[in-house]
Amino acid sequence: MAAVTLMVAGTALLTLGMRGHGDALPAPAPAPTSHRQPSTPATTQKPKPTGIAQLSAARSVPVFLHIPAIDVEVSLSALGLNPDGTAQVPTDFAQPGWYRFGPTPGQVGSAVILGHVDSYRGTAVFFELRTLQAGDSIEVTLADGVVVHFAVTSVAMYTKAQFPAEQVYASHGYAALQLVTCGGQFDRATGHYLSNVVVYSTLVAVTPATAPAPAVSQGS
C-alpha cells in the first residue's frame, strides 16, 4: 500500500490507503510548538461562526462521539504518529479517532476527528458525514465527564491535492471541531477516493460532569 506525502502550507500531510485497506485521511505531523447533500460547496475561506459567545472546556481526552442526525454513537480512539513520523489513521473502520497532537474538543483551537467512509466490506462509521447540514449537533463526551456540544457551521469537499491543512488544523481563535473522511469520486484504477469531506463545527455549549451523589450517613 503506497503512502503519498503532500506538503500544504508547510505542513506535512499523510494520505494513504486503498479501499479495503484504509481510506485516505489526511493529518499533519505535530506542530513544533440520512442522505442529504452537503450544506455548502467546497470553499477555501476560513469558516467564521457568528453570534457565538467565547466558550471553552479544559483539556480532557475525548472518549465518545454522538452525531444524532446520522445516528452515530461511537467510542473514540486516539491517533498519533507512525514510527516513520507519518500521521496515523484509524485502523478500525467502525471507530473514528481523535488527532491527539491537537487540542481536545472544547479547547480553543481546532480539534480534529478522522474516520473512514467505507471499505470493501461495506459502509464505515462516517459514511453519511457528507449529509450533515449547518445547525446539526455534534456531542463529544470527555474523559472527565464533561460533554461538549458543537453545531455544524459548514460542510465542504476538497480534492486531496488541495486539502486546506491550515484551515482544518490551525487555531482560529475559538473552540472548533473538524470531522474528516474521504469522499467524492472513487478511482477504481488506484483504489483511492479523490477528495476529502470536512465538517466544520463550533462549540455552542458545555455540560459539566455530573457530580457524584453525596454519601448518606448511616449513623444513629
N, C-alpha and C. Protein backbone atom coordinates (compact mmCIF):
# COMPACT_ATOMS: atom_id res chain seq x y z
N MET A 1 0.85 -1.18 0.00
CA MET A 1 0.00 0.00 0.00
C MET A 1 0.88 1.22 0.00
N ALA A 2 0.73 2.04 -0.96
CA ALA A 2 1.64 3.17 -1.12
C ALA A 2 1.24 4.31 -0.22
N ALA A 3 2.23 5.03 0.28
CA ALA A 3 1.99 6.23 1.06
C ALA A 3 2.44 7.42 0.25
N VAL A 4 1.59 8.43 0.20
CA VAL A 4 1.92 9.63 -0.56
C VAL A 4 1.94 10.80 0.39
N THR A 5 3.03 11.53 0.47
CA THR A 5 3.14 12.66 1.37
C THR A 5 2.99 13.95 0.57
N LEU A 6 2.07 14.82 1.04
CA LEU A 6 1.82 16.10 0.39
C LEU A 6 2.33 17.20 1.30
N MET A 7 2.71 18.33 0.72
CA MET A 7 3.10 19.49 1.50
C MET A 7 2.09 20.59 1.24
N VAL A 8 1.40 21.02 2.28
CA VAL A 8 0.42 22.08 2.16
C VAL A 8 0.72 23.11 3.23
N ALA A 9 0.98 24.32 2.82
CA ALA A 9 1.26 25.44 3.73
C ALA A 9 2.34 25.07 4.73
N GLY A 10 3.34 24.32 4.28
CA GLY A 10 4.46 23.98 5.13
C GLY A 10 4.17 22.86 6.12
N THR A 11 2.98 22.25 6.03
CA THR A 11 2.61 21.19 6.96
C THR A 11 2.62 19.87 6.25
N ALA A 12 3.23 18.87 6.87
CA ALA A 12 3.28 17.56 6.25
C ALA A 12 1.94 16.87 6.39
N LEU A 13 1.43 16.34 5.29
CA LEU A 13 0.18 15.60 5.30
C LEU A 13 0.45 14.18 4.89
N LEU A 14 -0.32 13.29 5.45
CA LEU A 14 -0.20 11.89 5.04
C LEU A 14 -1.51 11.46 4.41
N THR A 15 -1.44 10.92 3.20
CA THR A 15 -2.60 10.28 2.62
C THR A 15 -2.19 8.88 2.27
N LEU A 16 -2.93 7.92 2.78
CA LEU A 16 -2.54 6.56 2.49
C LEU A 16 -3.75 5.66 2.47
N GLY A 17 -3.55 4.52 1.83
CA GLY A 17 -4.57 3.51 1.88
C GLY A 17 -5.28 3.29 0.57
N MET A 18 -5.86 2.14 0.49
CA MET A 18 -6.69 1.75 -0.63
C MET A 18 -8.01 1.27 -0.06
N ARG A 19 -9.05 1.33 -0.85
CA ARG A 19 -10.34 0.86 -0.39
C ARG A 19 -10.19 -0.59 0.06
N GLY A 20 -10.64 -0.87 1.28
CA GLY A 20 -10.47 -2.20 1.84
C GLY A 20 -9.24 -2.29 2.70
N HIS A 21 -8.34 -1.31 2.58
CA HIS A 21 -7.14 -1.30 3.42
C HIS A 21 -7.03 -0.01 4.22
N GLY A 22 -7.84 1.00 3.90
CA GLY A 22 -7.79 2.26 4.63
C GLY A 22 -7.95 3.42 3.69
N ASP A 23 -9.04 4.20 3.87
CA ASP A 23 -9.26 5.35 3.01
C ASP A 23 -8.24 6.43 3.31
N ALA A 24 -8.00 7.29 2.34
CA ALA A 24 -7.01 8.34 2.51
C ALA A 24 -7.56 9.41 3.42
N LEU A 25 -6.98 9.56 4.59
CA LEU A 25 -7.44 10.53 5.58
C LEU A 25 -6.26 11.38 6.02
N PRO A 26 -6.18 12.63 5.60
CA PRO A 26 -5.01 13.44 5.89
C PRO A 26 -4.95 13.88 7.33
N ALA A 27 -3.73 13.98 7.84
CA ALA A 27 -3.49 14.52 9.17
C ALA A 27 -2.06 15.03 9.20
N PRO A 28 -1.82 16.16 9.86
CA PRO A 28 -0.47 16.72 9.86
C PRO A 28 0.40 16.12 10.94
N ALA A 29 1.70 16.26 10.78
CA ALA A 29 2.61 15.98 11.88
C ALA A 29 2.40 17.04 12.94
N PRO A 30 2.73 16.78 14.23
CA PRO A 30 2.51 17.78 15.27
C PRO A 30 3.32 19.04 15.02
N ALA A 31 2.75 20.20 15.39
CA ALA A 31 3.45 21.46 15.19
C ALA A 31 4.66 21.52 16.11
N PRO A 32 5.70 22.24 15.69
CA PRO A 32 6.86 22.35 16.58
C PRO A 32 6.42 22.91 17.92
N THR A 33 5.78 23.78 18.08
CA THR A 33 5.30 24.33 19.36
C THR A 33 3.92 23.65 19.58
N SER A 34 -28.39 10.42 7.21
CA SER A 34 -29.54 10.50 6.40
C SER A 34 -29.12 10.80 5.01
N HIS A 35 -29.36 11.05 3.96
CA HIS A 35 -28.80 11.12 2.64
C HIS A 35 -29.02 12.53 2.10
N ARG A 36 -28.75 13.52 2.94
CA ARG A 36 -28.88 14.89 2.49
C ARG A 36 -27.60 15.31 1.83
N GLN A 37 -27.65 16.32 1.02
CA GLN A 37 -26.48 16.81 0.32
C GLN A 37 -25.72 17.79 1.21
N PRO A 38 -24.42 18.00 0.97
CA PRO A 38 -23.67 18.96 1.77
C PRO A 38 -24.33 20.32 1.77
N SER A 39 -24.27 21.01 2.93
CA SER A 39 -24.98 22.28 3.05
C SER A 39 -24.29 23.41 2.33
N THR A 40 -22.98 23.30 2.07
CA THR A 40 -22.27 24.34 1.36
C THR A 40 -21.29 23.71 0.39
N PRO A 41 -20.95 24.40 -0.69
CA PRO A 41 -19.96 23.87 -1.62
C PRO A 41 -18.57 23.99 -1.04
N ALA A 42 -17.61 23.36 -1.72
CA ALA A 42 -16.22 23.45 -1.28
C ALA A 42 -15.78 24.90 -1.25
N THR A 43 -14.99 25.23 -0.25
CA THR A 43 -14.55 26.61 -0.10
C THR A 43 -13.15 26.63 0.48
N THR A 44 -12.43 27.67 0.21
CA THR A 44 -11.11 27.83 0.82
C THR A 44 -11.12 28.96 1.85
N GLN A 45 -12.31 29.50 2.14
CA GLN A 45 -12.41 30.57 3.11
C GLN A 45 -12.54 29.98 4.51
N LYS A 46 -11.87 30.60 5.48
CA LYS A 46 -11.93 30.14 6.86
C LYS A 46 -13.34 30.33 7.39
N PRO A 47 -13.99 29.27 7.92
CA PRO A 47 -15.33 29.44 8.46
C PRO A 47 -15.31 30.31 9.70
N LYS A 48 -16.20 31.29 9.79
CA LYS A 48 -16.24 32.18 10.93
C LYS A 48 -17.62 32.10 11.58
N PRO A 49 -17.71 31.55 12.78
CA PRO A 49 -19.00 31.48 13.44
C PRO A 49 -19.49 32.87 13.81
N THR A 50 -20.80 33.05 13.81
CA THR A 50 -21.36 34.35 14.17
C THR A 50 -22.33 34.17 15.32
N GLY A 51 -22.37 35.14 16.20
CA GLY A 51 -23.30 35.12 17.30
C GLY A 51 -23.01 34.07 18.36
N ILE A 52 -21.79 33.56 18.41
CA ILE A 52 -21.43 32.53 19.38
C ILE A 52 -20.49 33.14 20.42
N ALA A 53 -20.89 33.06 21.68
CA ALA A 53 -20.02 33.56 22.76
C ALA A 53 -18.78 32.68 22.86
N GLN A 54 -17.71 33.28 23.37
CA GLN A 54 -16.48 32.52 23.54
C GLN A 54 -16.68 31.47 24.62
N LEU A 55 -16.58 30.21 24.23
CA LEU A 55 -16.72 29.09 25.16
C LEU A 55 -15.47 28.23 25.07
N SER A 56 -15.20 27.49 26.13
CA SER A 56 -14.10 26.54 26.09
C SER A 56 -14.26 25.55 27.23
N ALA A 57 -13.53 24.46 27.12
CA ALA A 57 -13.51 23.44 28.17
C ALA A 57 -12.06 23.08 28.44
N ALA A 58 -11.80 22.55 29.63
CA ALA A 58 -10.45 22.13 29.98
C ALA A 58 -10.03 20.94 29.13
N ARG A 59 -8.72 20.79 28.95
CA ARG A 59 -8.22 19.67 28.16
C ARG A 59 -8.56 18.34 28.84
N SER A 60 -9.19 17.47 28.09
CA SER A 60 -9.54 16.14 28.57
C SER A 60 -9.76 15.27 27.35
N VAL A 61 -9.24 14.06 27.38
CA VAL A 61 -9.29 13.17 26.21
C VAL A 61 -10.73 12.86 25.83
N PRO A 62 -11.09 12.99 24.54
CA PRO A 62 -12.44 12.64 24.10
C PRO A 62 -12.61 11.12 24.05
N VAL A 63 -13.73 10.64 24.58
CA VAL A 63 -13.94 9.19 24.64
C VAL A 63 -15.17 8.72 23.88
N PHE A 64 -16.10 9.63 23.57
CA PHE A 64 -17.34 9.18 22.90
C PHE A 64 -17.86 10.29 22.01
N LEU A 65 -18.35 9.89 20.82
CA LEU A 65 -18.87 10.83 19.82
C LEU A 65 -20.32 10.49 19.52
N HIS A 66 -21.18 11.51 19.50
CA HIS A 66 -22.60 11.33 19.18
C HIS A 66 -23.00 12.37 18.14
N ILE A 67 -23.47 11.90 16.98
CA ILE A 67 -23.97 12.78 15.92
C ILE A 67 -25.40 12.33 15.62
N PRO A 68 -26.40 12.94 16.27
CA PRO A 68 -27.78 12.46 16.15
C PRO A 68 -28.31 12.40 14.72
N ALA A 69 -27.98 13.38 13.89
CA ALA A 69 -28.57 13.46 12.54
C ALA A 69 -28.21 12.26 11.67
N ILE A 70 -27.08 11.60 11.96
CA ILE A 70 -26.69 10.45 11.14
C ILE A 70 -26.54 9.18 11.99
N ASP A 71 -27.14 9.22 13.18
CA ASP A 71 -27.19 8.04 14.06
C ASP A 71 -25.81 7.47 14.38
N VAL A 72 -24.87 8.35 14.62
CA VAL A 72 -23.53 7.91 15.03
C VAL A 72 -23.43 8.01 16.55
N GLU A 73 -23.16 6.91 17.20
CA GLU A 73 -22.89 6.85 18.64
C GLU A 73 -21.75 5.86 18.80
N VAL A 74 -20.55 6.37 19.07
CA VAL A 74 -19.38 5.51 18.99
C VAL A 74 -18.27 6.00 19.91
N SER A 75 -17.50 5.08 20.43
CA SER A 75 -16.33 5.44 21.22
C SER A 75 -15.23 5.94 20.28
N LEU A 76 -14.29 6.66 20.84
CA LEU A 76 -13.21 7.25 20.06
C LEU A 76 -11.86 6.65 20.44
N SER A 77 -11.01 6.49 19.44
CA SER A 77 -9.62 6.12 19.67
C SER A 77 -8.77 7.38 19.61
N ALA A 78 -7.49 7.25 19.87
CA ALA A 78 -6.55 8.38 19.76
C ALA A 78 -5.54 8.06 18.68
N LEU A 79 -5.28 9.02 17.83
CA LEU A 79 -4.34 8.86 16.72
C LEU A 79 -3.09 9.67 16.97
N GLY A 80 -1.94 9.05 16.73
CA GLY A 80 -0.68 9.76 16.90
C GLY A 80 0.14 9.72 15.65
N LEU A 81 1.40 9.28 15.78
CA LEU A 81 2.31 9.21 14.65
C LEU A 81 2.82 7.78 14.47
N ASN A 82 3.05 7.40 13.24
CA ASN A 82 3.67 6.12 12.93
C ASN A 82 5.17 6.20 13.23
N PRO A 83 5.85 5.05 13.33
CA PRO A 83 7.30 5.07 13.60
C PRO A 83 8.11 5.88 12.59
N ASP A 84 7.60 6.00 11.36
CA ASP A 84 8.34 6.76 10.35
C ASP A 84 8.01 8.25 10.39
N GLY A 85 7.23 8.67 11.39
CA GLY A 85 6.92 10.09 11.53
C GLY A 85 5.68 10.53 10.80
N THR A 86 5.03 9.63 10.06
CA THR A 86 3.78 9.98 9.39
C THR A 86 2.63 9.84 10.38
N ALA A 87 1.54 10.52 10.08
CA ALA A 87 0.39 10.52 10.98
C ALA A 87 -0.43 9.25 10.82
N GLN A 88 -0.97 8.78 11.92
CA GLN A 88 -1.80 7.59 11.89
C GLN A 88 -3.20 7.90 11.37
N VAL A 89 -3.85 6.87 10.85
CA VAL A 89 -5.27 6.93 10.52
C VAL A 89 -5.95 5.78 11.27
N PRO A 90 -7.27 5.83 11.46
CA PRO A 90 -7.93 4.77 12.22
C PRO A 90 -7.70 3.40 11.59
N THR A 91 -7.49 2.41 12.44
CA THR A 91 -7.34 1.03 11.96
C THR A 91 -8.68 0.29 11.97
N ASP A 92 -9.65 0.82 12.72
CA ASP A 92 -10.97 0.22 12.82
C ASP A 92 -11.94 1.06 12.00
N PHE A 93 -12.57 0.46 10.99
CA PHE A 93 -13.49 1.19 10.12
C PHE A 93 -14.75 1.63 10.86
N ALA A 94 -15.02 1.02 12.00
CA ALA A 94 -16.22 1.35 12.77
C ALA A 94 -15.96 2.38 13.86
N GLN A 95 -14.70 2.78 14.03
CA GLN A 95 -14.35 3.69 15.12
C GLN A 95 -13.49 4.85 14.62
N PRO A 96 -13.96 6.08 14.78
CA PRO A 96 -13.12 7.23 14.41
C PRO A 96 -12.05 7.47 15.45
N GLY A 97 -11.11 8.35 15.11
CA GLY A 97 -10.03 8.66 16.04
C GLY A 97 -9.77 10.15 16.13
N TRP A 98 -9.42 10.58 17.32
CA TRP A 98 -9.07 11.98 17.58
C TRP A 98 -7.56 12.16 17.39
N TYR A 99 -7.17 13.22 16.68
CA TYR A 99 -5.77 13.53 16.46
C TYR A 99 -5.20 14.14 17.74
N ARG A 100 -4.41 13.34 18.50
CA ARG A 100 -4.06 13.70 19.86
C ARG A 100 -2.96 14.75 19.97
N PHE A 101 -2.34 15.15 18.88
CA PHE A 101 -1.36 16.21 18.96
C PHE A 101 -1.99 17.59 18.76
N GLY A 102 -3.31 17.63 18.65
CA GLY A 102 -4.03 18.88 18.59
C GLY A 102 -4.83 19.09 19.86
N PRO A 103 -5.65 20.13 19.92
CA PRO A 103 -6.49 20.37 21.10
C PRO A 103 -7.49 19.23 21.29
N THR A 104 -7.97 19.08 22.51
CA THR A 104 -9.11 18.20 22.73
C THR A 104 -10.38 18.98 22.42
N PRO A 105 -11.45 18.30 22.01
CA PRO A 105 -12.69 19.02 21.70
C PRO A 105 -13.14 19.89 22.87
N GLY A 106 -13.39 21.16 22.58
CA GLY A 106 -13.79 22.11 23.60
C GLY A 106 -12.70 23.08 23.97
N GLN A 107 -11.44 22.72 23.73
CA GLN A 107 -10.36 23.69 23.93
C GLN A 107 -10.36 24.70 22.79
N VAL A 108 -9.84 25.90 23.07
CA VAL A 108 -9.69 26.87 21.99
C VAL A 108 -8.68 26.31 20.98
N GLY A 109 -9.05 26.33 19.73
CA GLY A 109 -8.23 25.73 18.68
C GLY A 109 -9.08 24.76 17.88
N SER A 110 -8.44 24.03 16.98
CA SER A 110 -9.16 23.11 16.11
C SER A 110 -8.86 21.66 16.51
N ALA A 111 -9.84 21.03 17.15
CA ALA A 111 -9.75 19.60 17.40
C ALA A 111 -10.18 18.88 16.12
N VAL A 112 -9.56 17.74 15.84
CA VAL A 112 -9.85 17.03 14.58
C VAL A 112 -10.12 15.56 14.88
N ILE A 113 -11.22 15.05 14.31
CA ILE A 113 -11.56 13.64 14.41
C ILE A 113 -11.65 13.07 13.01
N LEU A 114 -10.95 11.96 12.77
CA LEU A 114 -10.87 11.32 11.46
C LEU A 114 -11.59 9.98 11.48
N GLY A 115 -12.30 9.67 10.41
CA GLY A 115 -12.97 8.38 10.33
C GLY A 115 -13.12 7.94 8.89
N HIS A 116 -13.30 6.65 8.69
CA HIS A 116 -13.43 6.10 7.35
C HIS A 116 -14.85 6.21 6.82
N VAL A 117 -14.97 6.27 5.49
CA VAL A 117 -16.29 6.35 4.85
C VAL A 117 -16.80 4.96 4.49
N ASP A 118 -15.93 4.07 4.04
CA ASP A 118 -16.33 2.70 3.73
C ASP A 118 -15.10 1.83 3.54
N SER A 119 -15.34 0.57 3.23
CA SER A 119 -14.29 -0.38 2.90
C SER A 119 -14.88 -1.39 1.93
N TYR A 120 -14.09 -2.36 1.53
CA TYR A 120 -14.62 -3.37 0.62
C TYR A 120 -15.72 -4.20 1.29
N ARG A 121 -15.83 -4.11 2.61
CA ARG A 121 -16.86 -4.85 3.33
C ARG A 121 -18.18 -4.10 3.42
N GLY A 122 -18.16 -2.80 3.11
CA GLY A 122 -19.39 -2.01 3.19
C GLY A 122 -19.14 -0.65 3.80
N THR A 123 -20.21 -0.03 4.29
CA THR A 123 -20.12 1.32 4.82
C THR A 123 -19.34 1.33 6.13
N ALA A 124 -18.72 2.47 6.42
CA ALA A 124 -17.96 2.66 7.65
C ALA A 124 -18.61 3.77 8.47
N VAL A 125 -17.98 4.14 9.59
CA VAL A 125 -18.61 5.00 10.58
C VAL A 125 -19.00 6.37 10.04
N PHE A 126 -18.22 6.95 9.12
CA PHE A 126 -18.51 8.29 8.61
C PHE A 126 -19.12 8.25 7.20
N PHE A 127 -19.82 7.18 6.88
CA PHE A 127 -20.39 7.05 5.54
C PHE A 127 -21.34 8.20 5.21
N GLU A 128 -22.11 8.66 6.19
CA GLU A 128 -23.09 9.72 5.94
C GLU A 128 -22.63 11.09 6.42
N LEU A 129 -21.36 11.23 6.72
CA LEU A 129 -20.86 12.51 7.21
C LEU A 129 -21.16 13.65 6.24
N ARG A 130 -21.08 13.37 4.95
CA ARG A 130 -21.29 14.40 3.93
C ARG A 130 -22.70 14.97 3.95
N THR A 131 -23.65 14.27 4.59
CA THR A 131 -25.04 14.72 4.58
C THR A 131 -25.37 15.69 5.70
N LEU A 132 -24.43 15.93 6.60
CA LEU A 132 -24.70 16.88 7.68
C LEU A 132 -24.94 18.27 7.12
N GLN A 133 -25.73 19.04 7.85
CA GLN A 133 -26.09 20.39 7.43
C GLN A 133 -25.82 21.37 8.56
N ALA A 134 -25.70 22.64 8.19
CA ALA A 134 -25.48 23.69 9.17
C ALA A 134 -26.56 23.62 10.25
N GLY A 135 -26.13 23.67 11.50
CA GLY A 135 -27.06 23.60 12.62
C GLY A 135 -27.15 22.23 13.26
N ASP A 136 -26.75 21.18 12.54
CA ASP A 136 -26.76 19.84 13.12
C ASP A 136 -25.82 19.79 14.33
N SER A 137 -26.18 18.96 15.30
CA SER A 137 -25.39 18.91 16.52
C SER A 137 -24.40 17.77 16.53
N ILE A 138 -23.27 18.02 17.18
CA ILE A 138 -22.22 17.02 17.41
C ILE A 138 -21.88 17.09 18.89
N GLU A 139 -21.93 15.97 19.58
CA GLU A 139 -21.63 15.94 21.01
C GLU A 139 -20.43 15.03 21.27
N VAL A 140 -19.52 15.50 22.08
CA VAL A 140 -18.35 14.71 22.44
C VAL A 140 -18.27 14.63 23.96
N THR A 141 -18.20 13.40 24.47
CA THR A 141 -18.02 13.19 25.89
C THR A 141 -16.53 13.05 26.18
N LEU A 142 -16.06 13.79 27.18
CA LEU A 142 -14.65 13.79 27.54
C LEU A 142 -14.40 12.85 28.72
N ALA A 143 -13.15 12.49 28.91
CA ALA A 143 -12.80 11.54 29.96
C ALA A 143 -13.14 12.06 31.35
N ASP A 144 -13.19 13.38 31.53
CA ASP A 144 -13.52 13.94 32.84
C ASP A 144 -15.02 14.03 33.09
N GLY A 145 -15.83 13.53 32.14
CA GLY A 145 -17.28 13.53 32.30
C GLY A 145 -17.98 14.72 31.69
N VAL A 146 -17.23 15.73 31.28
CA VAL A 146 -17.82 16.90 30.61
C VAL A 146 -18.29 16.51 29.22
N VAL A 147 -19.43 17.07 28.79
CA VAL A 147 -19.92 16.87 27.43
C VAL A 147 -19.85 18.22 26.71
N VAL A 148 -19.16 18.25 25.57
CA VAL A 148 -19.05 19.48 24.79
C VAL A 148 -19.96 19.36 23.56
N HIS A 149 -20.72 20.41 23.30
CA HIS A 149 -21.74 20.40 22.26
C HIS A 149 -21.31 21.36 21.15
N PHE A 150 -21.29 20.86 19.93
CA PHE A 150 -20.91 21.66 18.77
C PHE A 150 -22.08 21.76 17.80
N ALA A 151 -22.10 22.84 17.03
CA ALA A 151 -23.08 22.99 15.96
C ALA A 151 -22.32 23.08 14.64
N VAL A 152 -22.77 22.31 13.66
CA VAL A 152 -22.14 22.34 12.33
C VAL A 152 -22.32 23.73 11.73
N THR A 153 -21.24 24.27 11.20
CA THR A 153 -21.30 25.57 10.52
C THR A 153 -21.26 25.41 9.00
N SER A 154 -20.53 24.41 8.51
CA SER A 154 -20.46 24.19 7.06
C SER A 154 -19.89 22.81 6.78
N VAL A 155 -20.14 22.35 5.56
CA VAL A 155 -19.60 21.08 5.08
C VAL A 155 -18.94 21.36 3.73
N ALA A 156 -17.73 20.88 3.55
CA ALA A 156 -17.00 21.16 2.31
C ALA A 156 -16.30 19.91 1.82
N MET A 157 -16.02 19.90 0.52
CA MET A 157 -15.27 18.80 -0.08
C MET A 157 -14.09 19.39 -0.84
N TYR A 158 -12.93 18.77 -0.66
CA TYR A 158 -11.71 19.24 -1.31
C TYR A 158 -11.03 18.07 -2.00
N THR A 159 -10.42 18.33 -3.14
CA THR A 159 -9.56 17.30 -3.71
C THR A 159 -8.37 17.13 -2.78
N LYS A 160 -7.79 15.95 -2.78
CA LYS A 160 -6.69 15.68 -1.85
C LYS A 160 -5.49 16.61 -2.09
N ALA A 161 -5.27 16.98 -3.34
CA ALA A 161 -4.16 17.87 -3.65
C ALA A 161 -4.39 19.28 -3.12
N GLN A 162 -5.67 19.62 -2.84
CA GLN A 162 -5.99 20.97 -2.38
C GLN A 162 -6.49 20.97 -0.94
N PHE A 163 -6.20 19.92 -0.20
CA PHE A 163 -6.68 19.84 1.18
C PHE A 163 -6.10 21.00 2.00
N PRO A 164 -6.97 21.81 2.66
CA PRO A 164 -6.51 23.01 3.36
C PRO A 164 -6.06 22.71 4.79
N ALA A 165 -4.84 22.25 4.94
CA ALA A 165 -4.35 21.82 6.25
C ALA A 165 -4.45 22.92 7.30
N GLU A 166 -4.05 24.12 6.94
CA GLU A 166 -4.09 25.22 7.90
C GLU A 166 -5.51 25.47 8.37
N GLN A 167 -6.44 25.48 7.45
CA GLN A 167 -7.83 25.76 7.79
C GLN A 167 -8.40 24.68 8.70
N VAL A 168 -8.02 23.44 8.47
CA VAL A 168 -8.58 22.33 9.23
C VAL A 168 -7.93 22.19 10.59
N TYR A 169 -6.61 22.35 10.66
CA TYR A 169 -5.88 22.04 11.89
C TYR A 169 -5.45 23.24 12.72
N ALA A 170 -5.34 24.41 12.12
CA ALA A 170 -4.83 25.56 12.86
C ALA A 170 -5.91 26.18 13.74
N SER A 171 -5.48 26.90 14.77
CA SER A 171 -6.42 27.60 15.64
C SER A 171 -6.91 28.87 14.96
N HIS A 172 -8.22 29.11 15.10
CA HIS A 172 -8.81 30.32 14.54
C HIS A 172 -9.35 31.23 15.65
N GLY A 173 -8.93 30.94 16.89
CA GLY A 173 -9.29 31.81 17.99
C GLY A 173 -10.54 31.41 18.75
N TYR A 174 -11.13 30.28 18.43
CA TYR A 174 -12.31 29.80 19.14
C TYR A 174 -12.26 28.27 19.15
N ALA A 175 -13.12 27.65 19.94
CA ALA A 175 -13.15 26.20 20.06
C ALA A 175 -13.90 25.60 18.87
N ALA A 176 -13.16 24.91 18.02
CA ALA A 176 -13.74 24.32 16.81
C ALA A 176 -13.49 22.81 16.81
N LEU A 177 -14.34 22.10 16.09
CA LEU A 177 -14.15 20.67 15.88
C LEU A 177 -14.35 20.39 14.40
N GLN A 178 -13.36 19.77 13.79
CA GLN A 178 -13.46 19.36 12.39
C GLN A 178 -13.53 17.83 12.31
N LEU A 179 -14.47 17.32 11.53
CA LEU A 179 -14.59 15.89 11.25
C LEU A 179 -14.18 15.66 9.81
N VAL A 180 -13.32 14.66 9.58
CA VAL A 180 -12.75 14.46 8.24
C VAL A 180 -12.93 13.01 7.80
N THR A 181 -13.33 12.83 6.55
CA THR A 181 -13.40 11.50 5.94
C THR A 181 -13.10 11.62 4.46
N CYS A 182 -13.19 10.52 3.75
CA CYS A 182 -12.99 10.54 2.30
C CYS A 182 -14.31 10.78 1.59
N GLY A 183 -14.23 11.15 0.33
CA GLY A 183 -15.45 11.38 -0.44
C GLY A 183 -15.15 11.68 -1.88
N GLY A 184 -16.19 12.11 -2.58
CA GLY A 184 -16.03 12.44 -3.99
C GLY A 184 -15.94 11.20 -4.85
N GLN A 185 -15.30 11.36 -5.97
CA GLN A 185 -15.18 10.27 -6.94
C GLN A 185 -14.22 9.19 -6.44
N PHE A 186 -14.58 7.94 -6.69
CA PHE A 186 -13.72 6.82 -6.34
C PHE A 186 -13.00 6.34 -7.60
N ASP A 187 -11.68 6.36 -7.54
CA ASP A 187 -10.86 5.96 -8.68
C ASP A 187 -10.59 4.45 -8.58
N ARG A 188 -11.30 3.67 -9.38
CA ARG A 188 -11.15 2.21 -9.32
C ARG A 188 -9.77 1.75 -9.77
N ALA A 189 -9.12 2.56 -10.59
CA ALA A 189 -7.80 2.16 -11.08
C ALA A 189 -6.77 2.17 -9.95
N THR A 190 -6.90 3.13 -9.03
CA THR A 190 -5.93 3.25 -7.94
C THR A 190 -6.47 2.73 -6.61
N GLY A 191 -7.80 2.59 -6.52
CA GLY A 191 -8.40 2.17 -5.27
C GLY A 191 -8.49 3.27 -4.24
N HIS A 192 -8.47 4.54 -4.69
CA HIS A 192 -8.50 5.68 -3.78
C HIS A 192 -9.68 6.59 -4.09
N TYR A 193 -10.21 7.22 -3.04
CA TYR A 193 -11.10 8.36 -3.25
C TYR A 193 -10.23 9.56 -3.63
N LEU A 194 -10.80 10.45 -4.40
CA LEU A 194 -10.02 11.59 -4.89
C LEU A 194 -10.17 12.84 -4.04
N SER A 195 -11.10 12.80 -3.08
CA SER A 195 -11.36 14.00 -2.28
C SER A 195 -11.53 13.66 -0.82
N ASN A 196 -11.60 14.72 -0.01
CA ASN A 196 -11.93 14.60 1.41
C ASN A 196 -13.13 15.46 1.72
N VAL A 197 -13.98 14.97 2.61
CA VAL A 197 -15.11 15.73 3.14
C VAL A 197 -14.71 16.25 4.51
N VAL A 198 -14.95 17.54 4.75
CA VAL A 198 -14.65 18.14 6.05
C VAL A 198 -15.92 18.79 6.60
N VAL A 199 -16.28 18.42 7.81
CA VAL A 199 -17.39 19.06 8.52
C VAL A 199 -16.79 20.02 9.54
N TYR A 200 -17.13 21.29 9.43
CA TYR A 200 -16.67 22.31 10.36
C TYR A 200 -17.76 22.56 11.41
N SER A 201 -17.36 22.65 12.67
CA SER A 201 -18.34 22.92 13.72
C SER A 201 -17.73 23.79 14.80
N THR A 202 -18.60 24.44 15.56
CA THR A 202 -18.19 25.38 16.60
C THR A 202 -18.84 25.02 17.93
N LEU A 203 -18.09 25.17 19.01
CA LEU A 203 -18.61 24.88 20.34
C LEU A 203 -19.74 25.85 20.70
N VAL A 204 -20.88 25.30 21.13
CA VAL A 204 -22.03 26.13 21.49
C VAL A 204 -22.49 25.94 22.93
N ALA A 205 -22.05 24.85 23.58
CA ALA A 205 -22.45 24.63 24.97
C ALA A 205 -21.51 23.62 25.61
N VAL A 206 -21.41 23.71 26.93
CA VAL A 206 -20.60 22.77 27.70
C VAL A 206 -21.46 22.27 28.87
N THR A 207 -21.63 20.96 28.96
CA THR A 207 -22.37 20.37 30.07
C THR A 207 -21.36 19.83 31.09
N PRO A 208 -21.37 20.38 32.30
CA PRO A 208 -20.40 19.92 33.31
C PRO A 208 -20.61 18.45 33.65
N ALA A 209 -19.56 17.84 34.17
CA ALA A 209 -19.66 16.46 34.62
C ALA A 209 -20.67 16.38 35.76
N THR A 210 -21.43 15.32 35.78
CA THR A 210 -22.40 15.13 36.84
C THR A 210 -21.68 14.81 38.14
N ALA A 211 -21.96 15.60 39.17
CA ALA A 211 -21.30 15.38 40.46
C ALA A 211 -21.85 14.12 41.10
N PRO A 212 -20.98 13.33 41.74
CA PRO A 212 -21.49 12.14 42.43
C PRO A 212 -22.41 12.53 43.58
N ALA A 213 -23.39 11.70 43.84
CA ALA A 213 -24.32 11.97 44.93
C ALA A 213 -23.58 11.92 46.26
N PRO A 214 -23.91 12.82 47.19
CA PRO A 214 -23.21 12.83 48.49
C PRO A 214 -23.51 11.55 49.26
N ALA A 215 -22.53 11.11 50.00
CA ALA A 215 -22.72 9.91 50.82
C ALA A 215 -23.73 10.18 51.92
N VAL A 216 -24.57 9.20 52.18
CA VAL A 216 -25.59 9.33 53.22
C VAL A 216 -25.06 8.69 54.50
N SER A 217 -25.07 9.46 55.55
CA SER A 217 -24.56 8.95 56.83
C SER A 217 -25.49 7.86 57.35
N GLN A 218 -24.88 6.79 57.79
CA GLN A 218 -25.66 5.68 58.37
C GLN A 218 -25.65 5.73 59.89
N GLY A 219 -25.11 6.81 60.43
CA GLY A 219 -25.03 6.90 61.87
C GLY A 219 -26.38 7.06 62.52
N SER A 220 -26.47 6.79 63.81
CA SER A 220 -27.76 6.88 64.53
C SER A 220 -28.06 8.33 64.85
